[in-house]
Protein backbone atom coordinates (compact mmCIF):
# COMPACT_ATOMS: atom_id res chain seq x y z
CA MET A 1 -108.19 -54.72 -165.08
CA VAL A 2 -109.41 -57.76 -163.39
CA VAL A 3 -107.09 -60.74 -162.79
CA VAL A 4 -108.25 -64.00 -161.42
CA GLY A 5 -105.71 -66.55 -160.07
CA SER A 6 -103.96 -67.90 -156.89
CA VAL A 7 -103.01 -65.82 -153.92
CA GLY A 8 -99.49 -65.26 -155.30
CA ALA A 9 -100.68 -63.83 -158.66
CA ALA A 10 -103.11 -61.70 -156.68
CA ALA A 11 -100.30 -60.26 -154.51
CA ALA A 12 -98.37 -59.34 -157.56
CA VAL A 13 -101.34 -57.43 -158.88
CA VAL A 14 -102.04 -55.98 -155.31
CA ALA A 15 -98.38 -54.88 -155.09
CA ALA A 16 -98.89 -52.93 -158.30
CA GLY A 17 -101.75 -51.03 -156.65
CA ALA A 18 -104.98 -53.05 -157.04
CA SER A 19 -107.26 -54.58 -154.37
CA SER A 20 -108.37 -58.28 -154.32
CA ARG A 21 -111.64 -60.09 -153.25
CA PRO A 22 -111.85 -63.70 -152.34
CA VAL A 23 -113.74 -65.82 -154.90
CA GLY A 24 -114.13 -69.57 -153.62
CA ALA A 25 -110.65 -70.74 -153.25
CA ARG A 26 -109.11 -68.04 -155.53
CA TRP A 27 -108.74 -64.55 -155.42
CA VAL A 28 -109.82 -61.62 -157.91
CA ALA A 29 -107.71 -58.64 -158.13
CA ARG A 30 -109.28 -55.35 -159.18
CA GLU A 31 -107.98 -51.94 -160.19
CA SER A 32 -108.73 -49.61 -157.38
CA VAL A 33 -107.40 -46.28 -155.87
CA GLY A 34 -104.97 -47.18 -153.11
CA GLU A 35 -107.42 -49.68 -151.16
CA SER A 36 -105.09 -52.54 -151.13
CA ALA A 37 -103.11 -54.01 -148.43
CA ILE A 38 -100.96 -57.33 -148.16
CA SER A 39 -101.02 -59.28 -145.03
CA GLU A 40 -98.50 -61.68 -143.67
CA ASP A 41 -100.89 -63.78 -141.86
CA ALA A 42 -103.12 -64.89 -144.77
CA GLY A 43 -101.75 -63.69 -148.06
CA VAL A 44 -103.55 -60.91 -149.62
CA ARG A 45 -106.33 -59.07 -147.92
CA CYS A 46 -108.42 -56.20 -149.28
CA THR A 47 -109.23 -53.33 -147.06
CA MET A 48 -112.86 -53.00 -148.41
CA ALA A 49 -115.77 -53.64 -145.91
CA THR A 50 -117.56 -56.89 -146.26
CA GLU A 51 -120.97 -56.91 -148.08
CA GLU A 52 -124.03 -57.72 -145.97
CA SER A 53 -125.09 -60.39 -148.67
CA PHE A 54 -121.92 -62.26 -147.72
CA ALA A 55 -122.76 -62.03 -143.91
CA GLU A 56 -126.28 -63.30 -144.69
CA TYR A 57 -124.99 -66.13 -146.77
CA VAL A 58 -122.58 -67.36 -143.90
CA ALA A 59 -125.71 -66.85 -141.29
CA ASP A 60 -127.84 -68.89 -143.47
CA GLN A 61 -125.17 -71.73 -143.65
CA MET A 62 -125.53 -72.05 -139.79
CA ALA A 63 -128.41 -74.24 -138.44
CA ALA A 64 -131.48 -72.57 -137.03
CA ASP A 65 -131.01 -74.06 -133.53
CA CYS A 66 -127.73 -72.16 -133.43
CA GLY A 67 -129.69 -68.84 -132.94
CA ILE A 68 -127.46 -66.89 -135.27
CA THR A 69 -127.75 -63.11 -135.40
CA PHE A 70 -125.17 -60.59 -136.81
CA ARG A 71 -124.76 -56.87 -136.75
CA LYS A 72 -122.44 -54.41 -138.60
CA MET A 73 -119.51 -53.28 -136.75
CA PHE A 74 -116.98 -50.82 -138.38
CA GLY A 75 -117.95 -51.77 -141.79
CA GLU A 76 -117.42 -55.62 -140.99
CA TYR A 77 -120.09 -58.03 -139.04
CA GLY A 78 -120.03 -59.59 -135.60
CA PHE A 79 -121.66 -63.01 -135.32
CA TYR A 80 -123.70 -64.09 -132.10
CA SER A 81 -125.29 -67.24 -131.16
CA HIS A 82 -128.24 -66.85 -128.57
CA GLY A 83 -126.64 -63.56 -127.67
CA LYS A 84 -123.10 -64.68 -127.24
CA PHE A 85 -120.34 -63.28 -129.65
CA PHE A 86 -118.53 -66.16 -131.19
CA GLY A 87 -116.93 -64.76 -134.28
CA MET A 88 -116.80 -62.19 -137.09
CA ILE A 89 -116.41 -61.51 -140.83
CA CYS A 90 -113.53 -59.21 -141.80
CA ASP A 91 -112.61 -58.71 -145.40
CA ASP A 92 -115.14 -61.36 -146.44
CA ARG A 93 -113.05 -63.89 -144.19
CA LEU A 94 -114.78 -65.85 -141.42
CA PHE A 95 -113.00 -65.83 -138.06
CA PHE A 96 -114.00 -67.78 -134.87
CA LYS A 97 -112.81 -66.81 -131.39
CA PRO A 98 -110.23 -69.45 -130.34
CA THR A 99 -111.15 -72.07 -127.82
CA GLU A 100 -109.70 -75.44 -126.99
CA ALA A 101 -112.93 -77.08 -127.90
CA GLY A 102 -112.95 -75.41 -131.29
CA ARG A 103 -109.38 -76.46 -132.04
CA ALA A 104 -110.11 -80.00 -131.06
CA PHE A 105 -113.29 -80.12 -133.34
CA ILE A 106 -111.29 -78.76 -136.32
CA GLY A 107 -108.09 -80.56 -135.95
CA GLU A 108 -105.56 -78.69 -138.09
CA VAL A 109 -106.48 -75.12 -137.48
CA ARG A 110 -105.55 -72.27 -139.61
CA GLU A 111 -105.16 -68.85 -137.85
CA GLY A 112 -105.33 -65.34 -138.86
CA THR A 113 -105.91 -61.82 -137.68
CA PRO A 114 -109.30 -60.16 -138.75
CA PHE A 115 -107.87 -56.75 -138.50
CA PRO A 116 -104.50 -55.15 -137.81
CA GLY A 117 -103.56 -55.34 -134.10
CA ALA A 118 -106.26 -58.05 -133.34
CA ARG A 119 -105.35 -61.38 -131.57
CA PRO A 120 -105.01 -64.33 -133.88
CA HIS A 121 -108.56 -66.07 -134.31
CA ILE A 122 -109.38 -69.53 -136.04
CA LEU A 123 -109.84 -68.84 -139.92
CA ILE A 124 -112.53 -70.62 -141.62
CA GLU A 125 -112.43 -70.76 -145.30
CA ASP A 126 -113.55 -73.87 -147.39
CA GLU A 127 -115.58 -75.26 -144.53
CA ILE A 128 -118.23 -72.40 -144.94
CA GLU A 129 -119.92 -74.56 -147.57
CA ASP A 130 -120.39 -77.52 -144.98
CA ARG A 131 -123.55 -76.58 -143.00
CA GLU A 132 -123.51 -79.31 -140.58
CA TRP A 133 -119.83 -79.06 -139.86
CA LEU A 134 -120.03 -75.26 -139.42
CA SER A 135 -122.98 -75.36 -137.33
CA GLU A 136 -121.41 -77.94 -134.99
CA LEU A 137 -118.46 -75.64 -134.89
CA VAL A 138 -120.44 -73.04 -133.58
CA ARG A 139 -122.17 -75.15 -130.98
CA VAL A 140 -118.75 -76.33 -129.43
CA THR A 141 -117.43 -72.76 -129.63
CA VAL A 142 -120.22 -71.14 -127.94
CA GLU A 143 -120.46 -74.01 -125.28
CA ALA A 144 -116.67 -73.37 -124.54
CA LEU A 145 -117.05 -69.41 -124.26
CA PRO A 146 -117.71 -67.70 -120.92
CA PRO A 147 -121.13 -66.11 -120.64
CA PRO A 148 -121.46 -62.46 -121.95
CA LYS A 149 -120.59 -59.79 -119.32
CA ALA A 150 -123.55 -57.93 -117.85
CA LYS A 151 -123.56 -54.36 -119.16
CA LYS A 152 -122.89 -51.71 -116.42
CA LYS A 153 -125.82 -49.40 -115.90
CA ARG A 154 -125.18 -45.84 -116.49
CA THR A 155 -125.36 -43.59 -113.54
CA GLY A 156 -127.04 -40.13 -113.72
CA ALA A 157 -123.79 -38.26 -113.96
CA LYS A 158 -123.48 -36.26 -117.04
CA ARG A 159 -120.35 -36.03 -119.00
CA LYS A 160 -118.39 -32.70 -119.11
CA LYS A 161 -118.34 -31.00 -122.39
């Protein structure tokens, strides 16, 4: 069974035991075996891992001068600009670390949690299609974030087994 419709329609299907995947501004609900979840912060969410092709698409939407790299993290993807972590994709949704500069640039901010127990992040939806806007958001966000912490060197001590 596949149902295409609004978040509300997909929520009804998910409540009946199906998962959902975002397709543009709509959701597609698919029959599955217990992989569904409903989130209070952003409507329906699936619990399936993000596909690498979506992470590649989002990275391609950002300008070359942003120095974008991404890496897989627990089935999802973390995004870096010149080595500085600024956002992630979870359940095919793009999240940015919240900064005052990012909020000022966006104006009306929509927030969501990338995973259960996470702090709220800025949720980017339809703006993914606007390369210039998205690239500028990366620049202002990264500029406002503190530099990455230096990794501690491991001492020669061995762990007990």
